[in-house]
């Protein structure tokens, strides 16, 4: 996460990047609490986010879109060249496939303890 924050904050026009910490089992996956706290001028959404998703009442983006409208925060969708390039879930899945197992067996984690 620190690496991601450093990359994002190095971008021209970005004054602050923050990552959320949802409690286990917490139903609200939105970032409304954080938006209320920092009240940015612009809320940048990644390449896998769009207005259609934000208008879906079942989407975590729906409350964010409503709050941004209420607070006068501009939402920019599809940030990042070429849409979603990488996700943390893709990275961790790849890591499970390629990493050596922690037990020292010499096997890959997925084949040994990662089943």
PDB file of N, CA and C in Angstrom:
ATOM      1  N   UNK A   1       0.815  -1.199   0.000  1.00  0.00           N
ATOM      2  CA  UNK A   1       0.000   0.000   0.000  1.00  0.00           C
ATOM      3  C   UNK A   1       0.858   1.262   0.000  1.00  0.00           C
ATOM      4  N   UNK A   2       1.966   1.232   0.726  1.00  0.00           N
ATOM      5  CA  UNK A   2       2.823   2.416   0.768  1.00  0.00           C
ATOM      6  C   UNK A   2       3.344   2.763  -0.624  1.00  0.00           C
ATOM      7  N   UNK A   3       3.699   1.726  -1.385  1.00  0.00           N
ATOM      8  CA  UNK A   3       4.187   1.931  -2.743  1.00  0.00           C
ATOM      9  C   UNK A   3       3.095   2.553  -3.618  1.00  0.00           C
ATOM     10  N   UNK A   4       1.883   2.026  -3.508  1.00  0.00           N
ATOM     11  CA  UNK A   4       0.761   2.563  -4.283  1.00  0.00           C
ATOM     12  C   UNK A   4       0.518   4.027  -3.935  1.00  0.00           C
ATOM     13  N   UNK A   5       0.548   4.326  -2.631  1.00  0.00           N
ATOM     14  CA  UNK A   5       0.320   5.709  -2.186  1.00  0.00           C
ATOM     15  C   UNK A   5       1.403   6.627  -2.750  1.00  0.00           C
ATOM     16  N   UNK A   6       2.660   6.193  -2.693  1.00  0.00           N
ATOM     17  CA  UNK A   6       3.764   7.009  -3.202  1.00  0.00           C
ATOM     18  C   UNK A   6       3.599   7.293  -4.694  1.00  0.00           C
ATOM     19  N   UNK A   7       3.213   6.290  -5.453  1.00  0.00           N
ATOM     20  CA  UNK A   7       3.009   6.466  -6.895  1.00  0.00           C
ATOM     21  C   UNK A   7       1.876   7.451  -7.156  1.00  0.00           C
ATOM     22  N   UNK A   8       0.765   7.261  -6.472  1.00  0.00           N
ATOM     23  CA  UNK A   8      -0.404   8.126  -6.674  1.00  0.00           C
ATOM     24  C   UNK A   8      -0.097   9.564  -6.266  1.00  0.00           C
ATOM     25  N   UNK A   9       0.549   9.736  -5.114  1.00  0.00           N
ATOM     26  CA  UNK A   9       0.836  11.089  -4.643  1.00  0.00           C
ATOM     27  C   UNK A   9       1.885  11.800  -5.493  1.00  0.00           C
ATOM     28  N   UNK A  10       2.653  11.048  -6.282  1.00  0.00           N
ATOM     29  CA  UNK A  10       3.643  11.682  -7.157  1.00  0.00           C
ATOM     30  C   UNK A  10       3.012  12.227  -8.435  1.00  0.00           C
ATOM     31  N   UNK A  11       1.743  11.883  -8.672  1.00  0.00           N
ATOM     32  CA  UNK A  11       1.054  12.360  -9.875  1.00  0.00           C
ATOM     33  C   UNK A  11       0.715  13.842  -9.750  1.00  0.00           C
ATOM     34  N   UNK A  12       0.883  14.543 -10.856  1.00  0.00           N
ATOM     35  CA  UNK A  12       0.573  15.971 -10.898  1.00  0.00           C
ATOM     36  C   UNK A  12      -0.901  16.188 -10.548  1.00  0.00           C
ATOM     37  N   UNK A  13      -1.148  17.098  -9.660  1.00  0.00           N
ATOM     38  CA  UNK A  13      -2.519  17.426  -9.284  1.00  0.00           C
ATOM     39  C   UNK A  13      -3.037  16.660  -8.079  1.00  0.00           C
ATOM     40  N   UNK A  14      -2.334  15.624  -7.652  1.00  0.00           N
ATOM     41  CA  UNK A  14      -2.775  14.843  -6.488  1.00  0.00           C
ATOM     42  C   UNK A  14      -2.126  15.430  -5.244  1.00  0.00           C
ATOM     43  N   UNK A  15      -2.948  15.798  -4.283  1.00  0.00           N
ATOM     44  CA  UNK A  15      -2.418  16.354  -3.037  1.00  0.00           C
ATOM     45  C   UNK A  15      -2.450  15.344  -1.898  1.00  0.00           C
ATOM     46  N   UNK A  16      -3.313  14.333  -2.032  1.00  0.00           N
ATOM     47  CA  UNK A  16      -3.393  13.336  -0.961  1.00  0.00           C
ATOM     48  C   UNK A  16      -4.037  12.062  -1.482  1.00  0.00           C
ATOM     49  N   UNK A  17      -3.434  10.944  -1.128  1.00  0.00           N
ATOM     50  CA  UNK A  17      -4.023   9.638  -1.423  1.00  0.00           C
ATOM     51  C   UNK A  17      -4.205   8.925  -0.094  1.00  0.00           C
ATOM     52  N   UNK A  18      -5.307   8.235   0.044  1.00  0.00           N
ATOM     53  CA  UNK A  18      -5.516   7.499   1.287  1.00  0.00           C
ATOM     54  C   UNK A  18      -6.160   6.160   0.982  1.00  0.00           C
ATOM     55  N   UNK A  19      -5.898   5.204   1.846  1.00  0.00           N
ATOM     56  CA  UNK A  19      -6.469   3.878   1.704  1.00  0.00           C
ATOM     57  C   UNK A  19      -7.399   3.634   2.877  1.00  0.00           C
ATOM     58  N   UNK A  20      -8.472   2.955   2.601  1.00  0.00           N
ATOM     59  CA  UNK A  20      -9.459   2.712   3.646  1.00  0.00           C
ATOM     60  C   UNK A  20      -9.085   1.480   4.450  1.00  0.00           C
ATOM     61  N   UNK A  21      -9.654   1.385   5.620  1.00  0.00           N
ATOM     62  CA  UNK A  21      -9.440   0.229   6.489  1.00  0.00           C
ATOM     63  C   UNK A  21     -10.796  -0.207   7.021  1.00  0.00           C
ATOM     64  N   UNK A  22     -11.513  -0.985   6.229  1.00  0.00           N
ATOM     65  CA  UNK A  22     -12.822  -1.466   6.657  1.00  0.00           C
ATOM     66  C   UNK A  22     -12.648  -2.573   7.688  1.00  0.00           C
ATOM     67  N   UNK A  23     -13.448  -2.519   8.720  1.00  0.00           N
ATOM     68  CA  UNK A  23     -13.419  -3.549   9.753  1.00  0.00           C
ATOM     69  C   UNK A  23     -13.926  -4.866   9.172  1.00  0.00           C
ATOM     70  N   UNK A  24     -13.402  -6.004   9.638  1.00  0.00           N
ATOM     71  CA  UNK A  24     -13.910  -7.296   9.155  1.00  0.00           C
ATOM     72  C   UNK A  24     -15.419  -7.408   9.397  1.00  0.00           C
ATOM     73  N   UNK A  25     -16.140  -7.852   8.388  1.00  0.00           N
ATOM     74  CA  UNK A  25     -17.586  -8.013   8.493  1.00  0.00           C
ATOM     75  C   UNK A  25     -18.373  -6.726   8.316  1.00  0.00           C
ATOM     76  N   UNK A  26     -17.692  -5.612   8.113  1.00  0.00           N
ATOM     77  CA  UNK A  26     -18.349  -4.318   7.952  1.00  0.00           C
ATOM     78  C   UNK A  26     -19.064  -4.305   6.610  1.00  0.00           C
ATOM     79  N   UNK A  27     -20.349  -4.036   6.587  1.00  0.00           N
ATOM     80  CA  UNK A  27     -21.158  -4.111   5.371  1.00  0.00           C
ATOM     81  C   UNK A  27     -20.893  -2.968   4.396  1.00  0.00           C
ATOM     82  N   UNK A  28     -20.653  -1.777   4.900  1.00  0.00           N
ATOM     83  CA  UNK A  28     -20.463  -0.604   4.042  1.00  0.00           C
ATOM     84  C   UNK A  28     -19.056  -0.622   3.456  1.00  0.00           C
ATOM     85  N   UNK A  29     -18.944  -0.904   2.159  1.00  0.00           N
ATOM     86  CA  UNK A  29     -17.645  -0.952   1.485  1.00  0.00           C
ATOM     87  C   UNK A  29     -17.340   0.363   0.762  1.00  0.00           C
ATOM     88  N   UNK A  30     -18.164   1.365   0.973  1.00  0.00           N
ATOM     89  CA  UNK A  30     -17.943   2.659   0.329  1.00  0.00           C
ATOM     90  C   UNK A  30     -16.828   3.417   1.058  1.00  0.00           C
ATOM     91  N   UNK A  31     -16.439   4.539   0.493  1.00  0.00           N
ATOM     92  CA  UNK A  31     -15.436   5.400   1.122  1.00  0.00           C
ATOM     93  C   UNK A  31     -16.070   6.717   1.586  1.00  0.00           C
ATOM     94  N   UNK A  32     -17.361   6.673   1.886  1.00  0.00           N
ATOM     95  CA  UNK A  32     -18.086   7.881   2.304  1.00  0.00           C
ATOM     96  C   UNK A  32     -17.475   8.521   3.546  1.00  0.00           C
ATOM     97  N   UNK A  33     -17.109   7.714   4.502  1.00  0.00           N
ATOM     98  CA  UNK A  33     -16.524   8.253   5.737  1.00  0.00           C
ATOM     99  C   UNK A  33     -15.261   9.065   5.413  1.00  0.00           C
ATOM    100  N   UNK A  34     -14.419   8.509   4.532  1.00  0.00           N
ATOM    101  CA  UNK A  34     -13.178   9.181   4.155  1.00  0.00           C
ATOM    102  C   UNK A  34     -13.449  10.442   3.333  1.00  0.00           C
ATOM    103  N   UNK A  35     -14.425  10.366   2.419  1.00  0.00           N
ATOM    104  CA  UNK A  35     -14.776  11.543   1.618  1.00  0.00           C
ATOM    105  C   UNK A  35     -15.271  12.678   2.507  1.00  0.00           C
ATOM    106  N   UNK A  36     -16.075  12.332   3.508  1.00  0.00           N
ATOM    107  CA  UNK A  36     -16.584  13.342   4.438  1.00  0.00           C
ATOM    108  C   UNK A  36     -15.435  13.983   5.225  1.00  0.00           C
ATOM    109  N   UNK A  37     -14.441  13.151   5.572  1.00  0.00           N
ATOM    110  CA  UNK A  37     -13.306  13.629   6.369  1.00  0.00           C
ATOM    111  C   UNK A  37     -12.398  14.574   5.574  1.00  0.00           C
ATOM    112  N   UNK A  38     -12.017  14.187   4.362  1.00  0.00           N
ATOM    113  CA  UNK A  38     -11.025  14.996   3.632  1.00  0.00           C
ATOM    114  C   UNK A  38     -11.641  15.997   2.661  1.00  0.00           C
ATOM    115  N   UNK A  39     -12.897  15.785   2.259  1.00  0.00           N
ATOM    116  CA  UNK A  39     -13.626  16.696   1.358  1.00  0.00           C
ATOM    117  C   UNK A  39     -12.761  17.187   0.186  1.00  0.00           C
ATOM    118  N   UNK A  40     -12.372  16.256  -0.676  1.00  0.00           N
ATOM    119  CA  UNK A  40     -11.524  16.649  -1.809  1.00  0.00           C
ATOM    120  C   UNK A  40     -12.310  17.437  -2.849  1.00  0.00           C
ATOM    121  N   UNK A  41     -11.606  18.136  -3.711  1.00  0.00           N
ATOM    122  CA  UNK A  41     -12.250  18.809  -4.845  1.00  0.00           C
ATOM    123  C   UNK A  41     -12.660  17.776  -5.886  1.00  0.00           C
ATOM    124  N   UNK A  42     -11.802  16.754  -6.052  1.00  0.00           N
ATOM    125  CA  UNK A  42     -12.038  15.710  -7.054  1.00  0.00           C
ATOM    126  C   UNK A  42     -11.859  14.348  -6.408  1.00  0.00           C
ATOM    127  N   UNK A  43     -12.777  13.440  -6.717  1.00  0.00           N
ATOM    128  CA  UNK A  43     -12.694  12.047  -6.279  1.00  0.00           C
ATOM    129  C   UNK A  43     -12.416  11.219  -7.528  1.00  0.00           C
ATOM    130  N   UNK A  44     -11.207  10.689  -7.639  1.00  0.00           N
ATOM    131  CA  UNK A  44     -10.794   9.944  -8.830  1.00  0.00           C
ATOM    132  C   UNK A  44     -11.111   8.465  -8.662  1.00  0.00           C
ATOM    133  N   UNK A  45     -11.824   7.925  -9.637  1.00  0.00           N
ATOM    134  CA  UNK A  45     -12.187   6.511  -9.648  1.00  0.00           C
ATOM    135  C   UNK A  45     -11.354   5.789 -10.703  1.00  0.00           C
ATOM    136  N   UNK A  46     -10.915   4.582 -10.388  1.00  0.00           N
ATOM    137  CA  UNK A  46     -10.068   3.806 -11.292  1.00  0.00           C
ATOM    138  C   UNK A  46     -10.774   3.350 -12.550  1.00  0.00           C
ATOM    139  N   UNK A  47      -9.999   2.718 -13.421  1.00  0.00           N
ATOM    140  CA  UNK A  47     -10.482   2.294 -14.730  1.00  0.00           C
ATOM    141  C   UNK A  47     -11.615   1.299 -14.714  1.00  0.00           C
ATOM    142  N   UNK A  48     -11.830   0.627 -13.580  1.00  0.00           N
ATOM    143  CA  UNK A  48     -12.916  -0.351 -13.500  1.00  0.00           C
ATOM    144  C   UNK A  48     -14.188   0.254 -12.915  1.00  0.00           C
ATOM    145  N   UNK A  49     -14.213   1.554 -12.708  1.00  0.00           N
ATOM    146  CA  UNK A  49     -15.369   2.245 -12.129  1.00  0.00           C
ATOM    147  C   UNK A  49     -15.977   3.168 -13.169  1.00  0.00           C
ATOM    148  N   UNK A  50     -17.325   3.257 -13.160  1.00  0.00           N
ATOM    149  CA  UNK A  50     -17.973   4.150 -14.124  1.00  0.00           C
ATOM    150  C   UNK A  50     -19.287   4.677 -13.572  1.00  0.00           C
ATOM    151  N   UNK A  51     -19.867   5.622 -14.288  1.00  0.00           N
ATOM    152  CA  UNK A  51     -21.108   6.266 -13.862  1.00  0.00           C
ATOM    153  C   UNK A  51     -22.250   5.262 -13.767  1.00  0.00           C
ATOM    154  N   UNK A  52     -22.308   4.315 -14.690  1.00  0.00           N
ATOM    155  CA  UNK A  52     -23.366   3.299 -14.665  1.00  0.00           C
ATOM    156  C   UNK A  52     -23.339   2.543 -13.337  1.00  0.00           C
ATOM    157  N   UNK A  53     -22.146   2.161 -12.893  1.00  0.00           N
ATOM    158  CA  UNK A  53     -22.007   1.461 -11.615  1.00  0.00           C
ATOM    159  C   UNK A  53     -22.412   2.377 -10.456  1.00  0.00           C
ATOM    160  N   UNK A  54     -22.028   3.640 -10.531  1.00  0.00           N
ATOM    161  CA  UNK A  54     -22.355   4.587  -9.458  1.00  0.00           C
ATOM    162  C   UNK A  54     -23.858   4.805  -9.321  1.00  0.00           C
ATOM    163  N   UNK A  55     -24.585   4.683 -10.420  1.00  0.00           N
ATOM    164  CA  UNK A  55     -26.039   4.880 -10.387  1.00  0.00           C
ATOM    165  C   UNK A  55     -26.792   3.636  -9.930  1.00  0.00           C
ATOM    166  N   UNK A  56     -26.108   2.495  -9.848  1.00  0.00           N
ATOM    167  CA  UNK A  56     -26.722   1.240  -9.398  1.00  0.00           C
ATOM    168  C   UNK A  56     -26.901   1.301  -7.882  1.00  0.00           C
ATOM    169  N   UNK A  57     -28.147   1.229  -7.381  1.00  0.00           N
ATOM    170  CA  UNK A  57     -28.384   1.338  -5.935  1.00  0.00           C
ATOM    171  C   UNK A  57     -27.711   0.240  -5.117  1.00  0.00           C
ATOM    172  N   UNK A  58     -27.334  -0.882  -5.750  1.00  0.00           N
ATOM    173  CA  UNK A  58     -26.680  -1.981  -5.040  1.00  0.00           C
ATOM    174  C   UNK A  58     -25.158  -1.862  -5.038  1.00  0.00           C
ATOM    175  N   UNK A  59     -24.633  -0.860  -5.699  1.00  0.00           N
ATOM    176  CA  UNK A  59     -23.187  -0.676  -5.803  1.00  0.00           C
ATOM    177  C   UNK A  59     -22.654   0.136  -4.627  1.00  0.00           C
ATOM    178  N   UNK A  60     -21.433  -0.190  -4.184  1.00  0.00           N
ATOM    179  CA  UNK A  60     -20.805   0.605  -3.119  1.00  0.00           C
ATOM    180  C   UNK A  60     -20.549   2.029  -3.590  1.00  0.00           C
ATOM    181  N   UNK A  61     -20.520   2.234  -4.899  1.00  0.00           N
ATOM    182  CA  UNK A  61     -20.285   3.576  -5.437  1.00  0.00           C
ATOM    183  C   UNK A  61     -21.515   4.473  -5.353  1.00  0.00           C
ATOM    184  N   UNK A  62     -22.698   3.874  -5.213  1.00  0.00           N
ATOM    185  CA  UNK A  62     -23.926   4.667  -5.188  1.00  0.00           C
ATOM    186  C   UNK A  62     -23.936   5.665  -4.034  1.00  0.00           C
ATOM    187  N   UNK A  63     -23.662   5.235  -2.789  1.00  0.00           N
ATOM    188  CA  UNK A  63     -23.635   6.227  -1.709  1.00  0.00           C
ATOM    189  C   UNK A  63     -22.525   7.260  -1.896  1.00  0.00           C
ATOM    190  N   UNK A  64     -21.403   6.838  -2.507  1.00  0.00           N
ATOM    191  CA  UNK A  64     -20.311   7.773  -2.772  1.00  0.00           C
ATOM    192  C   UNK A  64     -20.755   8.851  -3.760  1.00  0.00           C
ATOM    193  N   UNK A  65     -21.447   8.441  -4.810  1.00  0.00           N
ATOM    194  CA  UNK A  65     -21.924   9.392  -5.821  1.00  0.00           C
ATOM    195  C   UNK A  65     -22.913  10.380  -5.199  1.00  0.00           C
ATOM    196  N   UNK A  66     -23.812   9.873  -4.357  1.00  0.00           N
ATOM    197  CA  UNK A  66     -24.784  10.752  -3.693  1.00  0.00           C
ATOM    198  C   UNK A  66     -24.089  11.747  -2.767  1.00  0.00           C
ATOM    199  N   UNK A  67     -23.119  11.255  -1.996  1.00  0.00           N
ATOM    200  CA  UNK A  67     -22.402  12.129  -1.071  1.00  0.00           C
ATOM    201  C   UNK A  67     -21.589  13.178  -1.827  1.00  0.00           C
ATOM    202  N   UNK A  68     -20.939  12.769  -2.910  1.00  0.00           N
ATOM    203  CA  UNK A  68     -20.163  13.728  -3.712  1.00  0.00           C
ATOM    204  C   UNK A  68     -21.067  14.829  -4.260  1.00  0.00           C
ATOM    205  N   UNK A  69     -22.256  14.460  -4.708  1.00  0.00           N
ATOM    206  CA  UNK A  69     -23.211  15.462  -5.200  1.00  0.00           C
ATOM    207  C   UNK A  69     -23.600  16.417  -4.070  1.00  0.00           C
ATOM    208  N   UNK A  70     -23.839  15.859  -2.885  1.00  0.00           N
ATOM    209  CA  UNK A  70     -24.220  16.663  -1.721  1.00  0.00           C
ATOM    210  C   UNK A  70     -23.110  17.629  -1.310  1.00  0.00           C
ATOM    211  N   UNK A  71     -21.853  17.170  -1.364  1.00  0.00           N
ATOM    212  CA  UNK A  71     -20.724  17.981  -0.903  1.00  0.00           C
ATOM    213  C   UNK A  71     -20.060  18.799  -2.013  1.00  0.00           C
ATOM    214  N   UNK A  72     -20.530  18.634  -3.254  1.00  0.00           N
ATOM    215  CA  UNK A  72     -19.942  19.375  -4.369  1.00  0.00           C
ATOM    216  C   UNK A  72     -18.588  18.844  -4.815  1.00  0.00           C
ATOM    217  N   UNK A  73     -18.372  17.551  -4.631  1.00  0.00           N
ATOM    218  CA  UNK A  73     -17.118  16.912  -5.039  1.00  0.00           C
ATOM    219  C   UNK A  73     -17.289  16.372  -6.454  1.00  0.00           C
ATOM    220  N   UNK A  74     -16.371  16.729  -7.344  1.00  0.00           N
ATOM    221  CA  UNK A  74     -16.419  16.227  -8.720  1.00  0.00           C
ATOM    222  C   UNK A  74     -15.866  14.803  -8.757  1.00  0.00           C
ATOM    223  N   UNK A  75     -16.581  13.902  -9.428  1.00  0.00           N
ATOM    224  CA  UNK A  75     -16.102  12.528  -9.598  1.00  0.00           C
ATOM    225  C   UNK A  75     -15.563  12.380 -11.012  1.00  0.00           C
ATOM    226  N   UNK A  76     -14.360  11.821 -11.119  1.00  0.00           N
ATOM    227  CA  UNK A  76     -13.755  11.537 -12.416  1.00  0.00           C
ATOM    228  C   UNK A  76     -13.613  10.022 -12.508  1.00  0.00           C
ATOM    229  N   UNK A  77     -14.223   9.441 -13.543  1.00  0.00           N
ATOM    230  CA  UNK A  77     -14.205   7.989 -13.726  1.00  0.00           C
ATOM    231  C   UNK A  77     -13.138   7.567 -14.728  1.00  0.00           C
ATOM    232  N   UNK A  78     -12.740   6.300 -14.642  1.00  0.00           N
ATOM    233  CA  UNK A  78     -11.816   5.726 -15.620  1.00  0.00           C
ATOM    234  C   UNK A  78     -10.410   6.281 -15.543  1.00  0.00           C
ATOM    235  N   UNK A  79      -9.980   6.676 -14.349  1.00  0.00           N
ATOM    236  CA  UNK A  79      -8.638   7.224 -14.194  1.00  0.00           C
ATOM    237  C   UNK A  79      -7.613   6.117 -14.428  1.00  0.00           C
ATOM    238  N   UNK A  80      -6.627   6.412 -15.192  1.00  0.00           N
ATOM    239  CA  UNK A  80      -5.602   5.426 -15.544  1.00  0.00           C
ATOM    240  C   UNK A  80      -5.706   5.085 -17.014  1.00  0.00           C
ATOM    241  N   UNK A  81      -4.604   5.046 -17.663  1.00  0.00           N
ATOM    242  CA  UNK A  81      -4.559   4.789 -19.098  1.00  0.00           C
ATOM    243  C   UNK A  81      -4.990   3.358 -19.399  1.00  0.00           C
ATOM    244  N   UNK A  82      -5.949   3.192 -20.306  1.00  0.00           N
ATOM    245  CA  UNK A  82      -6.344   1.858 -20.759  1.00  0.00           C
ATOM    246  C   UNK A  82      -7.215   1.083 -19.793  1.00  0.00           C
ATOM    247  N   UNK A  83      -7.907   1.754 -18.898  1.00  0.00           N
ATOM    248  CA  UNK A  83      -8.778   1.051 -17.960  1.00  0.00           C
ATOM    249  C   UNK A  83      -7.983   0.420 -16.831  1.00  0.00           C
ATOM    250  N   UNK A  84      -8.550  -0.605 -16.234  1.00  0.00           N
ATOM    251  CA  UNK A  84      -7.901  -1.246 -15.096  1.00  0.00           C
ATOM    252  C   UNK A  84      -6.716  -2.062 -15.577  1.00  0.00           C
ATOM    253  N   UNK A  85      -5.544  -1.688 -15.138  1.00  0.00           N
ATOM    254  CA  UNK A  85      -4.322  -2.352 -15.563  1.00  0.00           C
ATOM    255  C   UNK A  85      -3.955  -3.470 -14.597  1.00  0.00           C
ATOM    256  N   UNK A  86      -4.170  -3.274 -13.313  1.00  0.00           N
ATOM    257  CA  UNK A  86      -3.787  -4.256 -12.304  1.00  0.00           C
ATOM    258  C   UNK A  86      -4.686  -4.063 -11.091  1.00  0.00           C
ATOM    259  N   UNK A  87      -4.917  -5.127 -10.363  1.00  0.00           N
ATOM    260  CA  UNK A  87      -5.667  -5.020  -9.115  1.00  0.00           C
ATOM    261  C   UNK A  87      -4.931  -5.798  -8.046  1.00  0.00           C
ATOM    262  N   UNK A  88      -5.159  -5.439  -6.792  1.00  0.00           N
ATOM    263  CA  UNK A  88      -4.477  -6.139  -5.707  1.00  0.00           C
ATOM    264  C   UNK A  88      -4.882  -7.605  -5.663  1.00  0.00           C
ATOM    265  N   UNK A  89      -6.140  -7.923  -6.003  1.00  0.00           N
ATOM    266  CA  UNK A  89      -6.551  -9.333  -5.994  1.00  0.00           C
ATOM    267  C   UNK A  89      -5.833 -10.121  -7.084  1.00  0.00           C
ATOM    268  N   UNK A  90      -5.578  -9.484  -8.240  1.00  0.00           N
ATOM    269  CA  UNK A  90      -4.813 -10.166  -9.293  1.00  0.00           C
ATOM    270  C   UNK A  90      -3.383 -10.402  -8.829  1.00  0.00           C
ATOM    271  N   UNK A  91      -2.795  -9.399  -8.161  1.00  0.00           N
ATOM    272  CA  UNK A  91      -1.419  -9.532  -7.690  1.00  0.00           C
ATOM    273  C   UNK A  91      -1.284 -10.630  -6.643  1.00  0.00           C
ATOM    274  N   UNK A  92      -2.218 -10.691  -5.689  1.00  0.00           N
ATOM    275  CA  UNK A  92      -2.117 -11.717  -4.652  1.00  0.00           C
ATOM    276  C   UNK A  92      -2.377 -13.104  -5.216  1.00  0.00           C
ATOM    277  N   UNK A  93      -3.271 -13.225  -6.188  1.00  0.00           N
ATOM    278  CA  UNK A  93      -3.516 -14.525  -6.824  1.00  0.00           C
ATOM    279  C   UNK A  93      -2.254 -15.000  -7.535  1.00  0.00           C
ATOM    280  N   UNK A  94      -1.597 -14.099  -8.238  1.00  0.00           N
ATOM    281  CA  UNK A  94      -0.352 -14.448  -8.933  1.00  0.00           C
ATOM    282  C   UNK A  94       0.717 -14.848  -7.920  1.00  0.00           C
ATOM    283  N   UNK A  95       0.784 -14.138  -6.798  1.00  0.00           N
ATOM    284  CA  UNK A  95       1.761 -14.447  -5.760  1.00  0.00           C
ATOM    285  C   UNK A  95       1.536 -15.851  -5.207  1.00  0.00           C
ATOM    286  N   UNK A  96       0.285 -16.223  -4.965  1.00  0.00           N
ATOM    287  CA  UNK A  96      -0.012 -17.564  -4.437  1.00  0.00           C
ATOM    288  C   UNK A  96       0.421 -18.655  -5.410  1.00  0.00           C
ATOM    289  N   UNK A  97       0.354 -18.359  -6.702  1.00  0.00           N
ATOM    290  CA  UNK A  97       0.732 -19.339  -7.723  1.00  0.00           C
ATOM    291  C   UNK A  97       2.243 -19.498  -7.854  1.00  0.00           C
ATOM    292  N   UNK A  98       2.996 -18.442  -7.616  1.00  0.00           N
ATOM    293  CA  UNK A  98       4.429 -18.463  -7.934  1.00  0.00           C
ATOM    294  C   UNK A  98       5.353 -18.505  -6.721  1.00  0.00           C
ATOM    295  N   UNK A  99       4.857 -18.190  -5.557  1.00  0.00           N
ATOM    296  CA  UNK A  99       5.705 -18.097  -4.360  1.00  0.00           C
ATOM    297  C   UNK A  99       6.039 -19.479  -3.809  1.00  0.00           C
ATOM    298  N   UNK A 100       7.275 -19.636  -3.305  1.00  0.00           N
ATOM    299  CA  UNK A 100       7.658 -20.877  -2.630  1.00  0.00           C
ATOM    300  C   UNK A 100       6.922 -20.963  -1.300  1.00  0.00           C
ATOM    301  N   UNK A 101       6.603 -22.186  -0.886  1.00  0.00           N
ATOM    302  CA  UNK A 101       5.858 -22.375   0.361  1.00  0.00           C
ATOM    303  C   UNK A 101       6.718 -21.990   1.560  1.00  0.00           C
ATOM    304  N   UNK A 102       6.076 -21.430   2.569  1.00  0.00           N
ATOM    305  CA  UNK A 102       6.754 -20.987   3.779  1.00  0.00           C
ATOM    306  C   UNK A 102       7.321 -22.136   4.598  1.00  0.00           C
ATOM    307  N   UNK A 103       6.849 -23.380   4.363  1.00  0.00           N
ATOM    308  CA  UNK A 103       7.276 -24.511   5.184  1.00  0.00           C
ATOM    309  C   UNK A 103       8.663 -25.029   4.811  1.00  0.00           C
ATOM    310  N   UNK A 104       9.210 -24.540   3.686  1.00  0.00           N
ATOM    311  CA  UNK A 104      10.546 -24.962   3.276  1.00  0.00           C
ATOM    312  C   UNK A 104      10.582 -26.260   2.495  1.00  0.00           C
ATOM    313  N   UNK A 105       9.434 -26.741   2.040  1.00  0.00           N
ATOM    314  CA  UNK A 105       9.357 -28.010   1.307  1.00  0.00           C
ATOM    315  C   UNK A 105       9.969 -27.932  -0.085  1.00  0.00           C
ATOM    316  N   UNK A 106      10.117 -26.711  -0.598  1.00  0.00           N
ATOM    317  CA  UNK A 106      10.596 -26.545  -1.965  1.00  0.00           C
ATOM    318  C   UNK A 106       9.467 -26.507  -2.972  1.00  0.00           C
ATOM    319  N   UNK A 107       8.254 -26.813  -2.521  1.00  0.00           N
ATOM    320  CA  UNK A 107       7.081 -26.756  -3.400  1.00  0.00           C
ATOM    321  C   UNK A 107       6.555 -25.330  -3.452  1.00  0.00           C
ATOM    322  N   UNK A 108       5.749 -25.063  -4.452  1.00  0.00           N
ATOM    323  CA  UNK A 108       5.074 -23.776  -4.526  1.00  0.00           C
ATOM    324  C   UNK A 108       3.975 -23.748  -3.465  1.00  0.00           C
ATOM    325  N   UNK A 109       3.711 -22.568  -2.915  1.00  0.00           N
ATOM    326  CA  UNK A 109       2.723 -22.406  -1.849  1.00  0.00           C
ATOM    327  C   UNK A 109       1.378 -23.011  -2.225  1.00  0.00           C
ATOM    328  N   UNK A 110       0.901 -22.743  -3.441  1.00  0.00           N
ATOM    329  CA  UNK A 110      -0.410 -23.213  -3.892  1.00  0.00           C
ATOM    330  C   UNK A 110      -0.485 -24.745  -3.847  1.00  0.00           C
ATOM    331  N   UNK A 111       0.606 -25.418  -4.217  1.00  0.00           N
ATOM    332  CA  UNK A 111       0.631 -26.882  -4.267  1.00  0.00           C
ATOM    333  C   UNK A 111       0.767 -27.500  -2.882  1.00  0.00           C
ATOM    334  N   UNK A 112       1.284 -26.748  -1.942  1.00  0.00           N
ATOM    335  CA  UNK A 112       1.589 -27.296  -0.625  1.00  0.00           C
ATOM    336  C   UNK A 112       0.529 -26.896   0.415  1.00  0.00           C
ATOM    337  N   UNK A 113       0.629 -25.705   0.957  1.00  0.00           N
ATOM    338  CA  UNK A 113      -0.286 -25.239   2.004  1.00  0.00           C
ATOM    339  C   UNK A 113      -1.391 -24.324   1.495  1.00  0.00           C
ATOM    340  N   UNK A 114      -1.324 -23.909   0.255  1.00  0.00           N
ATOM    341  CA  UNK A 114      -2.273 -22.928  -0.265  1.00  0.00           C
ATOM    342  C   UNK A 114      -3.512 -23.512  -0.896  1.00  0.00           C
ATOM    343  N   UNK A 115      -3.803 -24.773  -0.613  1.00  0.00           N
ATOM    344  CA  UNK A 115      -4.975 -25.419  -1.232  1.00  0.00           C
ATOM    345  C   UNK A 115      -6.258 -24.951  -0.601  1.00  0.00           C
TER     346      UNK A 115
END
